[in-house]
Protein backbone atom coordinates (compact mmCIF):
# COMPACT_ATOMS: atom_id res chain seq x y z
CA MET A 1 6.52 -3.03 44.54
CA ILE A 2 4.67 -0.64 42.25
CA SER A 3 1.11 -1.50 41.25
CA ASN A 4 -0.40 -0.87 37.83
CA GLN A 5 -3.00 1.41 39.38
CA THR A 6 -0.28 3.57 40.94
CA ILE A 7 1.54 3.77 37.60
CA LYS A 8 -1.62 4.93 35.80
CA LEU A 9 -2.26 7.61 38.42
CA ARG A 10 1.27 8.98 38.58
CA VAL A 11 2.03 9.13 34.84
CA LYS A 12 -0.87 11.57 34.56
CA THR A 13 1.31 14.03 36.49
CA LEU A 14 3.93 14.09 33.73
CA PRO A 15 4.11 17.39 31.86
CA SER A 16 1.68 17.32 28.97
CA LEU A 17 3.12 16.98 25.51
CA PRO A 18 3.06 20.18 23.47
CA THR A 19 -0.12 20.64 21.45
CA SER A 20 2.09 20.54 18.35
CA VAL A 21 2.94 16.88 19.05
CA MET A 22 -0.70 15.92 19.35
CA SER A 23 -1.53 17.84 16.18
CA LEU A 24 1.33 16.20 14.26
CA THR A 25 0.29 12.76 15.52
CA LYS A 26 -3.22 13.42 14.20
CA ILE A 27 -1.77 14.51 10.85
CA ALA A 28 0.37 11.36 10.69
CA GLY A 29 -2.73 9.23 11.11
CA ASP A 30 -4.71 11.01 8.38
CA GLU A 31 -3.94 9.79 4.86
CA HIS A 32 -5.43 12.98 3.44
CA SER A 33 -2.99 15.26 5.28
CA THR A 34 -0.61 17.45 3.32
CA THR A 35 2.63 19.31 3.92
CA ASP A 36 0.56 22.47 4.38
CA ASP A 37 -1.02 20.89 7.45
CA ILE A 38 2.45 20.35 8.93
CA TYR A 39 3.48 23.89 8.06
CA HIS A 40 0.47 25.39 9.85
CA VAL A 41 1.31 23.44 13.03
CA LEU A 42 4.98 24.41 12.98
CA GLU A 43 4.40 28.09 12.32
CA LYS A 44 2.59 28.26 15.67
CA ASP A 45 5.58 26.74 17.53
CA PRO A 46 8.64 28.96 16.94
CA ALA A 47 10.96 26.94 19.18
CA LEU A 48 10.17 23.67 17.42
CA SER A 49 10.39 25.35 14.02
CA SER A 50 13.85 26.67 14.89
CA SER A 51 15.04 23.18 15.85
CA VAL A 52 13.63 21.72 12.64
CA LEU A 53 15.48 24.30 10.53
CA LYS A 54 18.75 23.64 12.39
CA LEU A 55 18.40 19.91 11.84
CA ALA A 56 17.40 20.33 8.20
CA ASN A 57 20.66 22.23 7.67
CA SER A 58 22.81 19.87 9.72
CA ALA A 59 25.06 17.06 8.56
CA ILE A 60 22.37 14.65 9.75
CA TYR A 61 20.23 15.67 6.78
CA ALA A 62 23.14 16.69 4.59
CA SER A 63 22.54 18.82 1.51
CA ASP A 64 24.55 21.29 -0.51
CA ASN A 65 22.05 24.13 -0.11
CA LEU A 66 21.00 25.64 3.21
CA VAL A 67 17.33 26.31 3.85
CA SER A 68 16.00 29.34 5.69
CA ASP A 69 12.26 28.72 5.74
CA LEU A 70 9.94 26.00 6.97
CA ARG A 71 8.29 25.21 3.66
CA THR A 72 11.62 24.43 2.02
CA ALA A 73 12.70 22.34 5.01
CA ILE A 74 9.48 20.33 4.83
CA GLN A 75 9.87 19.83 1.09
CA ARG A 76 13.51 18.78 1.47
CA LEU A 77 12.93 16.24 4.21
CA GLY A 78 9.63 14.86 2.96
CA MET A 79 6.38 14.38 4.84
CA ASP A 80 7.20 11.14 6.67
CA SER A 81 10.62 12.34 7.72
CA ILE A 82 9.43 15.75 8.91
CA LEU A 83 6.62 14.20 10.95
CA SER A 84 8.90 11.81 12.81
CA LEU A 85 11.56 14.50 13.23
CA CYS A 86 9.14 17.09 14.61
CA ARG A 87 7.50 14.74 17.06
CA GLY A 88 10.86 13.41 18.20
CA VAL A 89 12.39 16.84 18.74
CA ALA A 90 9.27 18.07 20.55
CA VAL A 91 9.34 15.14 23.00
CA ILE A 92 13.08 15.62 23.64
CA ARG A 93 12.63 19.35 24.25
CA ASN A 94 9.78 18.64 26.67
CA TYR A 95 11.96 16.33 28.77
CA ARG A 96 15.36 17.98 28.99
CA ALA A 97 15.67 17.61 32.75
CA GLY A 98 15.80 14.55 34.98
CA GLU A 99 15.85 13.71 38.65
CA LEU A 100 18.21 10.72 38.59
CA LEU A 101 18.72 10.06 34.90
CA ASP A 102 21.36 11.64 32.72
CA VAL A 103 18.79 12.78 30.17
CA VAL A 104 21.40 13.89 27.64
CA HIS A 105 22.79 10.36 27.59
CA LEU A 106 19.27 8.89 27.50
CA TRP A 107 18.31 10.91 24.43
CA GLN A 108 21.65 10.26 22.74
CA HIS A 109 21.06 6.54 23.22
CA SER A 110 17.43 6.68 22.09
CA THR A 111 18.23 8.81 19.05
CA ALA A 112 21.08 6.49 18.09
CA VAL A 113 18.71 3.52 18.34
CA GLY A 114 16.23 5.32 16.08
CA LEU A 115 18.85 6.29 13.52
CA THR A 116 20.32 2.77 13.55
CA ALA A 117 16.90 1.19 13.05
CA LYS A 118 16.22 3.63 10.21
CA ALA A 119 19.58 2.79 8.58
CA ILE A 120 18.92 -0.96 8.83
CA CYS A 121 15.48 -0.50 7.22
CA LYS A 122 17.04 1.35 4.31
CA HIS A 123 19.80 -1.25 4.03
CA LEU A 124 17.11 -3.92 3.72
CA GLY A 125 15.20 -1.88 1.15
CA ASN A 126 12.29 -1.32 3.56
CA PHE A 127 12.06 2.43 2.93
CA SER A 128 8.37 2.69 3.85
CA LEU A 129 9.12 1.67 7.44
CA ALA A 130 12.28 3.76 7.91
CA GLU A 131 10.70 6.83 9.55
CA THR A 132 8.45 4.73 11.78
CA ALA A 133 11.56 2.83 12.88
CA PHE A 134 13.29 6.12 13.72
CA LEU A 135 10.38 7.33 15.86
CA ALA A 136 10.01 3.92 17.53
CA GLY A 137 13.69 3.88 18.45
CA LEU A 138 13.53 7.43 19.73
CA LEU A 139 10.61 6.62 22.05
CA HIS A 140 11.40 3.04 23.07
CA ASP A 141 12.73 4.00 26.53
CA ILE A 142 10.11 6.62 27.40
CA GLY A 143 9.19 4.55 30.46
CA LYS A 144 12.54 5.45 32.03
CA ILE A 145 11.55 9.10 32.09
CA ALA A 146 8.24 8.26 33.76
CA LEU A 147 10.00 6.21 36.44
CA ASP A 148 12.58 8.95 36.96
CA ARG A 149 9.98 11.72 37.23
CA CYS A 150 7.06 9.94 38.90
CA PHE A 151 8.84 7.36 41.09
CA THR A 152 12.08 9.15 41.98
CA LYS A 153 12.39 7.69 45.48
CA GLU A 154 11.56 4.16 44.34
CA TYR A 155 13.91 4.43 41.35
CA THR A 156 16.94 5.51 43.38
CA PRO A 157 18.03 1.96 44.38
CA VAL A 158 17.56 0.86 40.75
CA MET A 159 20.00 3.50 39.57
CA GLN A 160 22.48 2.39 42.23
CA ALA A 161 22.12 -1.24 41.12
CA ILE A 162 22.95 -0.18 37.55
CA LYS A 163 26.07 1.64 38.78
CA ASP A 164 27.01 -1.57 40.63
CA GLY A 165 26.86 -3.52 37.36
CA GLU A 166 23.35 -5.00 37.23
CA ASP A 167 21.32 -5.03 34.03
CA LEU A 168 18.71 -2.26 34.05
CA ALA A 169 15.62 -4.33 33.27
CA GLU A 170 16.61 -7.01 35.79
CA ALA A 171 17.20 -4.40 38.49
CA GLU A 172 13.85 -2.73 37.80
CA LYS A 173 11.97 -6.02 37.97
CA ARG A 174 13.77 -7.15 41.15
CA ILE A 175 13.35 -3.89 43.04
CA LEU A 176 10.12 -2.41 41.62
CA GLY A 177 8.26 -5.44 40.30
CA VAL A 178 7.84 -3.62 36.99
CA THR A 179 10.18 -2.48 34.19
CA HIS A 180 10.41 0.67 32.11
CA THR A 181 8.78 -1.23 29.24
CA GLY A 182 5.53 -1.74 31.14
CA VAL A 183 5.53 1.81 32.45
CA GLY A 184 6.32 3.08 28.96
CA VAL A 185 3.22 1.36 27.57
CA VAL A 186 1.06 3.28 30.06
CA VAL A 187 2.70 6.56 29.03
CA ALA A 188 2.43 5.84 25.30
CA THR A 189 -1.23 4.89 25.67
CA GLU A 190 -1.92 8.04 27.67
CA TRP A 191 -0.26 10.09 24.94
CA LYS A 192 -2.23 8.25 22.24
CA PHE A 193 0.80 7.01 20.34
CA PRO A 194 0.16 4.57 17.45
CA LYS A 195 -0.27 0.88 18.22
CA ASN A 196 3.00 -0.14 16.52
CA ILE A 197 4.97 2.32 18.70
CA VAL A 198 3.27 0.97 21.83
CA GLU A 199 4.22 -2.57 20.79
CA VAL A 200 7.86 -1.57 20.37
CA ILE A 201 7.94 0.06 23.81
CA ARG A 202 6.40 -3.09 25.33
CA ASP A 203 8.42 -5.74 23.49
CA HIS A 204 11.82 -4.27 22.60
CA HIS A 205 13.63 -6.29 25.29
CA GLU A 206 11.77 -9.52 24.50
CA PRO A 207 10.51 -9.27 20.89
CA LYS A 208 8.08 -11.86 19.64
CA ALA A 209 9.00 -14.10 16.72
CA ASN A 210 8.09 -12.88 13.23
CA VAL A 211 7.27 -9.32 14.36
CA PHE A 212 9.77 -7.09 12.60
CA LEU A 213 9.65 -3.66 14.25
CA PRO A 214 10.10 -4.66 17.94
CA GLY A 215 12.86 -7.06 16.88
CA LEU A 216 14.54 -4.34 14.86
CA ILE A 217 14.52 -1.95 17.84
CA HIS A 218 15.75 -4.76 20.11
CA TYR A 219 18.86 -5.30 18.00
CA SER A 220 19.38 -1.60 17.35
CA ASP A 221 19.27 -1.05 21.12
CA LEU A 222 21.88 -3.76 21.70
CA LEU A 223 24.11 -2.40 18.93
CA VAL A 224 24.02 1.09 20.40
CA ARG A 225 24.64 -0.14 23.95
CA THR A 226 27.89 -1.76 22.82
CA ARG A 227 29.04 1.69 21.63
CA LEU A 228 27.24 3.97 24.08
CA PRO A 229 26.92 1.92 27.30
CA ASN A 230 24.28 2.75 29.89
CA GLY A 231 26.43 1.37 32.69
CA PRO A 232 29.04 -1.24 33.66
CA TYR A 233 26.78 -4.10 32.53
CA ASP A 234 26.73 -2.76 28.97
CA GLU A 235 30.51 -2.33 28.93
CA LYS A 236 30.77 -6.14 28.92
CA LEU A 237 28.03 -6.59 26.33
CA VAL A 238 29.07 -8.51 23.20
CA LEU A 239 26.84 -8.84 20.15
CA LYS A 240 27.76 -11.03 17.17
CA LEU A 241 25.13 -10.58 14.50
CA ASP A 242 26.81 -12.96 12.06
CA SER A 243 26.23 -15.88 14.43
CA ASP A 244 22.91 -14.75 15.91
CA GLN A 245 20.28 -17.00 14.35
CA TYR A 246 17.37 -15.07 15.85
CA PHE A 247 18.62 -11.90 14.15
CA LYS A 248 19.03 -13.70 10.83
CA ASP A 249 15.55 -15.19 11.07
CA MET A 250 14.03 -11.82 11.96
CA VAL A 251 15.72 -9.92 9.17
CA PHE A 252 15.96 -12.48 6.39
CA GLY A 253 12.79 -14.33 7.28
CA ILE A 254 10.65 -11.20 7.25
CA SER A 255 12.42 -8.88 4.81
CA GLY A 256 13.77 -11.55 2.48
CA VAL A 257 17.07 -9.67 2.27
CA ILE A 258 20.42 -11.00 3.49
CA PRO A 259 22.02 -8.15 5.46
CA ASP A 260 25.65 -7.12 5.10
CA ILE A 261 26.76 -7.72 8.69
CA GLU A 262 30.12 -6.02 8.22
CA TYR A 263 28.41 -2.90 6.90
CA LEU A 264 25.95 -2.81 9.80
CA THR A 265 28.71 -3.32 12.35
CA PHE A 266 30.66 -0.30 11.17
CA ALA A 267 27.71 1.91 10.22
CA ILE A 268 26.51 2.03 13.81
CA ASP A 269 29.51 4.17 14.77
CA ASP A 270 28.36 6.85 12.32
CA GLU A 271 24.81 6.70 13.67
CA VAL A 272 26.02 7.23 17.25
CA ASP A 273 27.96 10.32 16.16
CA ARG A 274 24.92 11.64 14.31
CA ALA A 275 22.74 11.01 17.37
CA ILE A 276 25.02 13.08 19.58
CA ASP A 277 24.77 15.97 17.11
CA PHE A 278 20.99 15.54 16.83
CA VAL A 279 20.47 15.77 20.59
CA LYS A 280 22.80 18.76 20.88
CA LEU A 281 20.68 20.62 18.33
CA ALA A 282 17.38 19.48 19.86
CA PHE A 283 18.46 20.78 23.28
CA GLN A 284 19.27 24.25 21.95
CA ASP A 285 16.75 27.04 22.53
């Protein structure tokens, strides 16, 4: 079993996030920040800037006119969108290798969860939360990377249990005594991520009643897993939103909007395709 003290010690050995991520996180938390602040951070990180331009010109952020410079890309995407995009891409680029995990699949899944959560927010008219939902979805499984990198030996039987058909969180708890959600909280706290992102990482498997964002990521995660399974357990996963009272209470009770279940069911396929393209671009040098 892995103790909390051991987790705190070992996650400190993870590669540090790029300074650009920390700078962008600071900008995101300052209401007086401007697009010029973002530009000055990006111009010092050519690799990240290149990825941002590729994504700004991709079908994911479709537009008739291509952009060739950072300022135009920032203006096109908007401040909230560019902040979540930059931080997301930077984290993905920093963790493009794994010991046991298929990191390409992990990031495809996480990106699809983020894009799905963002799409649901927009569908419900909650535009102000859309970019936060994207970033939360992108980072919700960050604890898996910490377990893979910092507890490779201990995580090996967990990965085998998943291949044998066990649910990931149940296997982690049975074998390690902790799950990727708890480990993810330690990582997110160490990296000084916002409180609402930390709450999503902690609660996305067991969201609390009347708390929208963790519940949103919970259902987005389930929706994606039915299309992009993490293992044999997910291949048998069935999710019926139209008869799920908890989902209806979470969405309608908090947002006040009745969702179009048929639309959401089919829209997820598009988001998975977009996520695959997003990760492909983020992985490019």
